[in-house]
Amino acid sequence: DGLTKAATLPISAGIVSQKHRYIEALTEYR
């Protein structure tokens, strides 16, 4: 999309401490 041209934003670093919420969000998606 061109939103990141120079950087790979470490989004996973923001998920690591929220694993339970991450799993719940995937469940709600279904």
PDB file of all heavy atoms in Angstrom:
ATOM      1  N   ASP A   1       0.815  -1.216   0.000  1.00  0.00           N
ATOM      2  CA  ASP A   1       0.000   0.000   0.000  1.00  0.00           C
ATOM      3  C   ASP A   1       0.847   1.264   0.000  1.00  0.00           C
ATOM      4  O   ASP A   1       0.360   2.346  -0.288  1.00  0.00           O
ATOM      5  CB  ASP A   1      -0.914  -0.003   1.231  1.00  0.00           C
ATOM      6  CG  ASP A   1      -1.844   1.192   1.269  1.00  0.00           C
ATOM      7  OD1 ASP A   1      -2.774   1.235   0.456  1.00  0.00           O
ATOM      8  OD2 ASP A   1      -1.625   2.089   2.111  1.00  0.00           O
ATOM      9  N   GLY A   2       2.143   1.123   0.313  1.00  0.00           N
ATOM     10  CA  GLY A   2       3.026   2.289   0.384  1.00  0.00           C
ATOM     11  C   GLY A   2       3.011   2.965   1.731  1.00  0.00           C
ATOM     12  O   GLY A   2       3.641   4.014   1.913  1.00  0.00           O
ATOM     13  N   LEU A   3       2.292   2.385   2.700  1.00  0.00           N
ATOM     14  CA  LEU A   3       2.242   2.990   4.031  1.00  0.00           C
ATOM     15  C   LEU A   3       3.590   2.867   4.724  1.00  0.00           C
ATOM     16  O   LEU A   3       4.021   3.783   5.417  1.00  0.00           O
ATOM     17  CB  LEU A   3       1.147   2.321   4.863  1.00  0.00           C
ATOM     18  CG  LEU A   3       0.864   2.919   6.240  1.00  0.00           C
ATOM     19  CD1 LEU A   3       0.567   4.406   6.142  1.00  0.00           C
ATOM     20  CD2 LEU A   3      -0.302   2.187   6.897  1.00  0.00           C
ATOM     21  N   THR A   4       4.249   1.732   4.555  1.00  0.00           N
ATOM     22  CA  THR A   4       5.614   1.574   5.063  1.00  0.00           C
ATOM     23  C   THR A   4       6.557   1.454   3.873  1.00  0.00           C
ATOM     24  O   THR A   4       6.477   0.500   3.107  1.00  0.00           O
ATOM     25  CB  THR A   4       5.741   0.329   5.962  1.00  0.00           C
ATOM     26  OG1 THR A   4       5.330  -0.827   5.222  1.00  0.00           O
ATOM     27  CG2 THR A   4       4.879   0.462   7.201  1.00  0.00           C
ATOM     28  N   LYS A   5       7.429   2.426   3.728  1.00  0.00           N
ATOM     29  CA  LYS A   5       8.414   2.409   2.645  1.00  0.00           C
ATOM     30  C   LYS A   5       9.805   2.087   3.168  1.00  0.00           C
ATOM     31  O   LYS A   5      10.612   1.467   2.477  1.00  0.00           O
ATOM     32  CB  LYS A   5       8.446   3.764   1.937  1.00  0.00           C
ATOM     33  CG  LYS A   5       7.149   4.168   1.265  1.00  0.00           C
ATOM     34  CD  LYS A   5       7.303   5.505   0.576  1.00  0.00           C
ATOM     35  CE  LYS A   5       6.026   5.927  -0.145  1.00  0.00           C
ATOM     36  NZ  LYS A   5       4.941   6.262   0.814  1.00  0.00           N
ATOM     37  N   ALA A   6      10.097   2.534   4.399  1.00  0.00           N
ATOM     38  CA  ALA A   6      11.445   2.378   4.948  1.00  0.00           C
ATOM     39  C   ALA A   6      11.492   1.499   6.183  1.00  0.00           C
ATOM     40  O   ALA A   6      12.554   1.012   6.556  1.00  0.00           O
ATOM     41  CB  ALA A   6      12.031   3.761   5.285  1.00  0.00           C
ATOM     42  N   ALA A   7      10.354   1.289   6.825  1.00  0.00           N
ATOM     43  CA  ALA A   7      10.359   0.633   8.140  1.00  0.00           C
ATOM     44  C   ALA A   7       9.426  -0.565   8.171  1.00  0.00           C
ATOM     45  O   ALA A   7       8.367  -0.552   7.547  1.00  0.00           O
ATOM     46  CB  ALA A   7       9.949   1.619   9.226  1.00  0.00           C
ATOM     47  N   THR A   8       9.833  -1.587   8.895  1.00  0.00           N
ATOM     48  CA  THR A   8       8.962  -2.709   9.226  1.00  0.00           C
ATOM     49  C   THR A   8       8.538  -2.510  10.677  1.00  0.00           C
ATOM     50  O   THR A   8       9.317  -2.737  11.602  1.00  0.00           O
ATOM     51  CB  THR A   8       9.694  -4.047   9.062  1.00  0.00           C
ATOM     52  OG1 THR A   8      10.117  -4.177   7.698  1.00  0.00           O
ATOM     53  CG2 THR A   8       8.782  -5.213   9.429  1.00  0.00           C
ATOM     54  N   LEU A   9       7.325  -2.053  10.863  1.00  0.00           N
ATOM     55  CA  LEU A   9       6.848  -1.744  12.206  1.00  0.00           C
ATOM     56  C   LEU A   9       6.712  -3.033  13.022  1.00  0.00           C
ATOM     57  O   LEU A   9       6.046  -3.970  12.589  1.00  0.00           O
ATOM     58  CB  LEU A   9       5.498  -1.041  12.131  1.00  0.00           C
ATOM     59  CG  LEU A   9       4.863  -0.669  13.473  1.00  0.00           C
ATOM     60  CD1 LEU A   9       5.709   0.370  14.182  1.00  0.00           C
ATOM     61  CD2 LEU A   9       3.447  -0.174  13.260  1.00  0.00           C
ATOM     62  N   PRO A  10       7.327  -3.109  14.192  1.00  0.00           N
ATOM     63  CA  PRO A  10       7.253  -4.342  14.994  1.00  0.00           C
ATOM     64  C   PRO A  10       5.916  -4.493  15.718  1.00  0.00           C
ATOM     65  O   PRO A  10       5.830  -4.440  16.949  1.00  0.00           O
ATOM     66  CB  PRO A  10       8.422  -4.187  15.968  1.00  0.00           C
ATOM     67  CG  PRO A  10       8.598  -2.717  16.130  1.00  0.00           C
ATOM     68  CD  PRO A  10       8.247  -2.113  14.792  1.00  0.00           C
ATOM     69  N   ILE A  11       4.840  -4.704  14.929  1.00  0.00           N
ATOM     70  CA  ILE A  11       3.500  -4.830  15.505  1.00  0.00           C
ATOM     71  C   ILE A  11       3.432  -5.992  16.487  1.00  0.00           C
ATOM     72  O   ILE A  11       2.771  -5.910  17.530  1.00  0.00           O
ATOM     73  CB  ILE A  11       2.460  -4.998  14.386  1.00  0.00           C
ATOM     74  CG1 ILE A  11       2.412  -3.742  13.510  1.00  0.00           C
ATOM     75  CG2 ILE A  11       1.070  -5.280  14.961  1.00  0.00           C
ATOM     76  CD1 ILE A  11       1.496  -3.860  12.307  1.00  0.00           C
ATOM     77  N   SER A  12       4.126  -7.074  16.166  1.00  0.00           N
ATOM     78  CA  SER A  12       4.086  -8.243  17.054  1.00  0.00           C
ATOM     79  C   SER A  12       4.622  -7.924  18.440  1.00  0.00           C
ATOM     80  O   SER A  12       4.211  -8.538  19.432  1.00  0.00           O
ATOM     81  CB  SER A  12       4.872  -9.399  16.442  1.00  0.00           C
ATOM     82  OG  SER A  12       4.277  -9.830  15.236  1.00  0.00           O
ATOM     83  N   ALA A  13       5.547  -6.965  18.505  1.00  0.00           N
ATOM     84  CA  ALA A  13       6.069  -6.563  19.816  1.00  0.00           C
ATOM     85  C   ALA A  13       4.982  -5.943  20.674  1.00  0.00           C
ATOM     86  O   ALA A  13       5.064  -5.970  21.905  1.00  0.00           O
ATOM     87  CB  ALA A  13       7.232  -5.582  19.636  1.00  0.00           C
ATOM     88  N   GLY A  14       3.948  -5.390  20.036  1.00  0.00           N
ATOM     89  CA  GLY A  14       2.825  -4.850  20.778  1.00  0.00           C
ATOM     90  C   GLY A  14       1.775  -5.895  21.117  1.00  0.00           C
ATOM     91  O   GLY A  14       0.888  -5.642  21.937  1.00  0.00           O
ATOM     92  N   ILE A  15       1.860  -7.071  20.484  1.00  0.00           N
ATOM     93  CA  ILE A  15       0.896  -8.145  20.745  1.00  0.00           C
ATOM     94  C   ILE A  15       1.385  -9.080  21.839  1.00  0.00           C
ATOM     95  O   ILE A  15       0.575  -9.687  22.555  1.00  0.00           O
ATOM     96  CB  ILE A  15       0.628  -8.941  19.448  1.00  0.00           C
ATOM     97  CG1 ILE A  15      -0.021  -8.040  18.387  1.00  0.00           C
ATOM     98  CG2 ILE A  15      -0.248 -10.161  19.706  1.00  0.00           C
ATOM     99  CD1 ILE A  15      -0.227  -8.719  17.041  1.00  0.00           C
ATOM    100  N   VAL A  16       2.707  -9.195  21.991  1.00  0.00           N
ATOM    101  CA  VAL A  16       3.286 -10.192  22.894  1.00  0.00           C
ATOM    102  C   VAL A  16       2.655 -10.168  24.277  1.00  0.00           C
ATOM    103  O   VAL A  16       2.336 -11.219  24.851  1.00  0.00           O
ATOM    104  CB  VAL A  16       4.818  -9.997  23.007  1.00  0.00           C
ATOM    105  CG1 VAL A  16       5.385 -10.809  24.147  1.00  0.00           C
ATOM    106  CG2 VAL A  16       5.502 -10.397  21.711  1.00  0.00           C
ATOM    107  N   SER A  17       2.459  -8.980  24.817  1.00  0.00           N
ATOM    108  CA  SER A  17       1.918  -8.864  26.177  1.00  0.00           C
ATOM    109  C   SER A  17       0.398  -8.965  26.216  1.00  0.00           C
ATOM    110  O   SER A  17      -0.206  -8.867  27.285  1.00  0.00           O
ATOM    111  CB  SER A  17       2.355  -7.538  26.808  1.00  0.00           C
ATOM    112  OG  SER A  17       1.801  -6.447  26.093  1.00  0.00           O
ATOM    113  N   GLN A  18      -0.242  -9.146  25.040  1.00  0.00           N
ATOM    114  CA  GLN A  18      -1.702  -9.205  24.970  1.00  0.00           C
ATOM    115  C   GLN A  18      -2.168 -10.497  24.282  1.00  0.00           C
ATOM    116  O   GLN A  18      -3.162 -10.495  23.555  1.00  0.00           O
ATOM    117  CB  GLN A  18      -2.248  -8.006  24.183  1.00  0.00           C
ATOM    118  CG  GLN A  18      -1.813  -6.655  24.717  1.00  0.00           C
ATOM    119  CD  GLN A  18      -2.441  -5.521  23.936  1.00  0.00           C
ATOM    120  OE1 GLN A  18      -3.621  -5.205  24.077  1.00  0.00           O
ATOM    121  NE2 GLN A  18      -1.655  -4.903  23.074  1.00  0.00           N
ATOM    122  N   LYS A  19      -1.468 -11.589  24.519  1.00  0.00           N
ATOM    123  CA  LYS A  19      -1.770 -12.829  23.812  1.00  0.00           C
ATOM    124  C   LYS A  19      -3.204 -13.312  24.070  1.00  0.00           C
ATOM    125  O   LYS A  19      -3.878 -13.790  23.153  1.00  0.00           O
ATOM    126  CB  LYS A  19      -0.761 -13.911  24.196  1.00  0.00           C
ATOM    127  CG  LYS A  19       0.613 -13.701  23.584  1.00  0.00           C
ATOM    128  CD  LYS A  19       1.621 -14.695  24.121  1.00  0.00           C
ATOM    129  CE  LYS A  19       1.257 -16.123  23.838  1.00  0.00           C
ATOM    130  NZ  LYS A  19       2.323 -17.074  24.251  1.00  0.00           N
ATOM    131  N   HIS A  20      -3.660 -13.191  25.313  1.00  0.00           N
ATOM    132  CA  HIS A  20      -5.016 -13.649  25.624  1.00  0.00           C
ATOM    133  C   HIS A  20      -6.052 -12.836  24.852  1.00  0.00           C
ATOM    134  O   HIS A  20      -7.000 -13.397  24.264  1.00  0.00           O
ATOM    135  CB  HIS A  20      -5.277 -13.556  27.130  1.00  0.00           C
ATOM    136  CG  HIS A  20      -6.632 -14.042  27.541  1.00  0.00           C
ATOM    137  ND1 HIS A  20      -6.982 -15.373  27.507  1.00  0.00           N
ATOM    138  CD2 HIS A  20      -7.740 -13.362  27.971  1.00  0.00           C
ATOM    139  CE1 HIS A  20      -8.244 -15.501  27.905  1.00  0.00           C
ATOM    140  NE2 HIS A  20      -8.720 -14.313  28.195  1.00  0.00           N
ATOM    141  N   ARG A  21      -5.871 -11.517  24.827  1.00  0.00           N
ATOM    142  CA  ARG A  21      -6.786 -10.665  24.078  1.00  0.00           C
ATOM    143  C   ARG A  21      -6.702 -10.963  22.577  1.00  0.00           C
ATOM    144  O   ARG A  21      -7.721 -10.937  21.868  1.00  0.00           O
ATOM    145  CB  ARG A  21      -6.436  -9.195  24.343  1.00  0.00           C
ATOM    146  CG  ARG A  21      -7.347  -8.206  23.640  1.00  0.00           C
ATOM    147  CD  ARG A  21      -6.882  -6.782  23.874  1.00  0.00           C
ATOM    148  NE  ARG A  21      -7.608  -5.850  23.022  1.00  0.00           N
ATOM    149  CZ  ARG A  21      -7.221  -4.605  22.779  1.00  0.00           C
ATOM    150  NH1 ARG A  21      -6.113  -4.134  23.351  1.00  0.00           N
ATOM    151  NH2 ARG A  21      -7.929  -3.822  21.989  1.00  0.00           N
ATOM    152  N   TYR A  22      -5.528 -11.255  22.083  1.00  0.00           N
ATOM    153  CA  TYR A  22      -5.311 -11.609  20.685  1.00  0.00           C
ATOM    154  C   TYR A  22      -6.117 -12.855  20.323  1.00  0.00           C
ATOM    155  O   TYR A  22      -6.833 -12.886  19.310  1.00  0.00           O
ATOM    156  CB  TYR A  22      -3.813 -11.835  20.486  1.00  0.00           C
ATOM    157  CG  TYR A  22      -3.357 -12.316  19.130  1.00  0.00           C
ATOM    158  CD1 TYR A  22      -3.638 -11.621  17.967  1.00  0.00           C
ATOM    159  CD2 TYR A  22      -2.579 -13.469  19.032  1.00  0.00           C
ATOM    160  CE1 TYR A  22      -3.168 -12.059  16.736  1.00  0.00           C
ATOM    161  CE2 TYR A  22      -2.105 -13.917  17.814  1.00  0.00           C
ATOM    162  CZ  TYR A  22      -2.403 -13.215  16.660  1.00  0.00           C
ATOM    163  OH  TYR A  22      -1.930 -13.651  15.456  1.00  0.00           O
ATOM    164  N   ILE A  23      -6.046 -13.869  21.155  1.00  0.00           N
ATOM    165  CA  ILE A  23      -6.785 -15.109  20.905  1.00  0.00           C
ATOM    166  C   ILE A  23      -8.291 -14.847  20.968  1.00  0.00           C
ATOM    167  O   ILE A  23      -9.061 -15.359  20.138  1.00  0.00           O
ATOM    168  CB  ILE A  23      -6.361 -16.187  21.920  1.00  0.00           C
ATOM    169  CG1 ILE A  23      -4.903 -16.593  21.657  1.00  0.00           C
ATOM    170  CG2 ILE A  23      -7.269 -17.405  21.828  1.00  0.00           C
ATOM    171  CD1 ILE A  23      -4.295 -17.426  22.759  1.00  0.00           C
ATOM    172  N   GLU A  24      -8.730 -14.042  21.921  1.00  0.00           N
ATOM    173  CA  GLU A  24     -10.154 -13.706  22.020  1.00  0.00           C
ATOM    174  C   GLU A  24     -10.635 -12.964  20.773  1.00  0.00           C
ATOM    175  O   GLU A  24     -11.745 -13.204  20.284  1.00  0.00           O
ATOM    176  CB  GLU A  24     -10.406 -12.856  23.259  1.00  0.00           C
ATOM    177  CG  GLU A  24     -10.371 -13.623  24.572  1.00  0.00           C
ATOM    178  CD  GLU A  24     -10.745 -12.739  25.753  1.00  0.00           C
ATOM    179  OE1 GLU A  24     -10.659 -11.502  25.617  1.00  0.00           O
ATOM    180  OE2 GLU A  24     -11.132 -13.290  26.801  1.00  0.00           O
ATOM    181  N   ALA A  25      -9.797 -12.055  20.258  1.00  0.00           N
ATOM    182  CA  ALA A  25     -10.185 -11.289  19.069  1.00  0.00           C
ATOM    183  C   ALA A  25     -10.315 -12.202  17.851  1.00  0.00           C
ATOM    184  O   ALA A  25     -11.218 -12.025  17.021  1.00  0.00           O
ATOM    185  CB  ALA A  25      -9.157 -10.189  18.803  1.00  0.00           C
ATOM    186  N   LEU A  26      -9.434 -13.186  17.732  1.00  0.00           N
ATOM    187  CA  LEU A  26      -9.544 -14.143  16.629  1.00  0.00           C
ATOM    188  C   LEU A  26     -10.823 -14.971  16.765  1.00  0.00           C
ATOM    189  O   LEU A  26     -11.474 -15.285  15.764  1.00  0.00           O
ATOM    190  CB  LEU A  26      -8.317 -15.059  16.604  1.00  0.00           C
ATOM    191  CG  LEU A  26      -6.991 -14.390  16.235  1.00  0.00           C
ATOM    192  CD1 LEU A  26      -5.835 -15.372  16.389  1.00  0.00           C
ATOM    193  CD2 LEU A  26      -7.030 -13.831  14.812  1.00  0.00           C
ATOM    194  N   THR A  27     -11.187 -15.311  17.997  1.00  0.00           N
ATOM    195  CA  THR A  27     -12.423 -16.051  18.232  1.00  0.00           C
ATOM    196  C   THR A  27     -13.641 -15.212  17.843  1.00  0.00           C
ATOM    197  O   THR A  27     -14.585 -15.707  17.203  1.00  0.00           O
ATOM    198  CB  THR A  27     -12.523 -16.466  19.707  1.00  0.00           C
ATOM    199  OG1 THR A  27     -11.395 -17.283  20.041  1.00  0.00           O
ATOM    200  CG2 THR A  27     -13.799 -17.240  19.981  1.00  0.00           C
ATOM    201  N   GLU A  28     -13.641 -13.922  18.207  1.00  0.00           N
ATOM    202  CA  GLU A  28     -14.752 -13.051  17.860  1.00  0.00           C
ATOM    203  C   GLU A  28     -14.843 -12.834  16.355  1.00  0.00           C
ATOM    204  O   GLU A  28     -15.946 -12.673  15.807  1.00  0.00           O
ATOM    205  CB  GLU A  28     -14.615 -11.719  18.601  1.00  0.00           C
ATOM    206  CG  GLU A  28     -14.816 -11.861  20.112  1.00  0.00           C
ATOM    207  CD  GLU A  28     -14.710 -10.537  20.843  1.00  0.00           C
ATOM    208  OE1 GLU A  28     -15.703  -9.795  20.813  1.00  0.00           O
ATOM    209  OE2 GLU A  28     -13.642 -10.267  21.419  1.00  0.00           O
ATOM    210  N   TYR A  29     -13.694 -12.838  15.688  1.00  0.00           N
ATOM    211  CA  TYR A  29     -13.717 -12.718  14.227  1.00  0.00           C
ATOM    212  C   TYR A  29     -14.513 -13.867  13.618  1.00  0.00           C
ATOM    213  O   TYR A  29     -15.315 -13.666  12.693  1.00  0.00           O
ATOM    214  CB  TYR A  29     -12.294 -12.718  13.667  1.00  0.00           C
ATOM    215  CG  TYR A  29     -12.288 -12.736  12.151  1.00  0.00           C
ATOM    216  CD1 TYR A  29     -12.455 -11.565  11.432  1.00  0.00           C
ATOM    217  CD2 TYR A  29     -12.162 -13.929  11.446  1.00  0.00           C
ATOM    218  CE1 TYR A  29     -12.496 -11.574  10.041  1.00  0.00           C
ATOM    219  CE2 TYR A  29     -12.200 -13.955  10.063  1.00  0.00           C
ATOM    220  CZ  TYR A  29     -12.366 -12.777   9.354  1.00  0.00           C
ATOM    221  OH  TYR A  29     -12.421 -12.794   7.985  1.00  0.00           O
ATOM    222  N   ARG A  30     -14.308 -15.062  14.144  1.00  0.00           N
ATOM    223  CA  ARG A  30     -15.010 -16.226  13.590  1.00  0.00           C
ATOM    224  C   ARG A  30     -16.521 -16.134  13.788  1.00  0.00           C
ATOM    225  O   ARG A  30     -17.284 -16.779  13.088  1.00  0.00           O
ATOM    226  CB  ARG A  30     -14.459 -17.514  14.214  1.00  0.00           C
ATOM    227  CG  ARG A  30     -12.981 -17.735  13.916  1.00  0.00           C
ATOM    228  CD  ARG A  30     -12.560 -19.160  14.198  1.00  0.00           C
ATOM    229  NE  ARG A  30     -12.567 -19.501  15.603  1.00  0.00           N
ATOM    230  CZ  ARG A  30     -11.520 -19.421  16.411  1.00  0.00           C
ATOM    231  NH1 ARG A  30     -10.345 -18.986  15.930  1.00  0.00           N
ATOM    232  NH2 ARG A  30     -11.608 -19.775  17.676  1.00  0.00           N
TER     233      ARG A  30
END
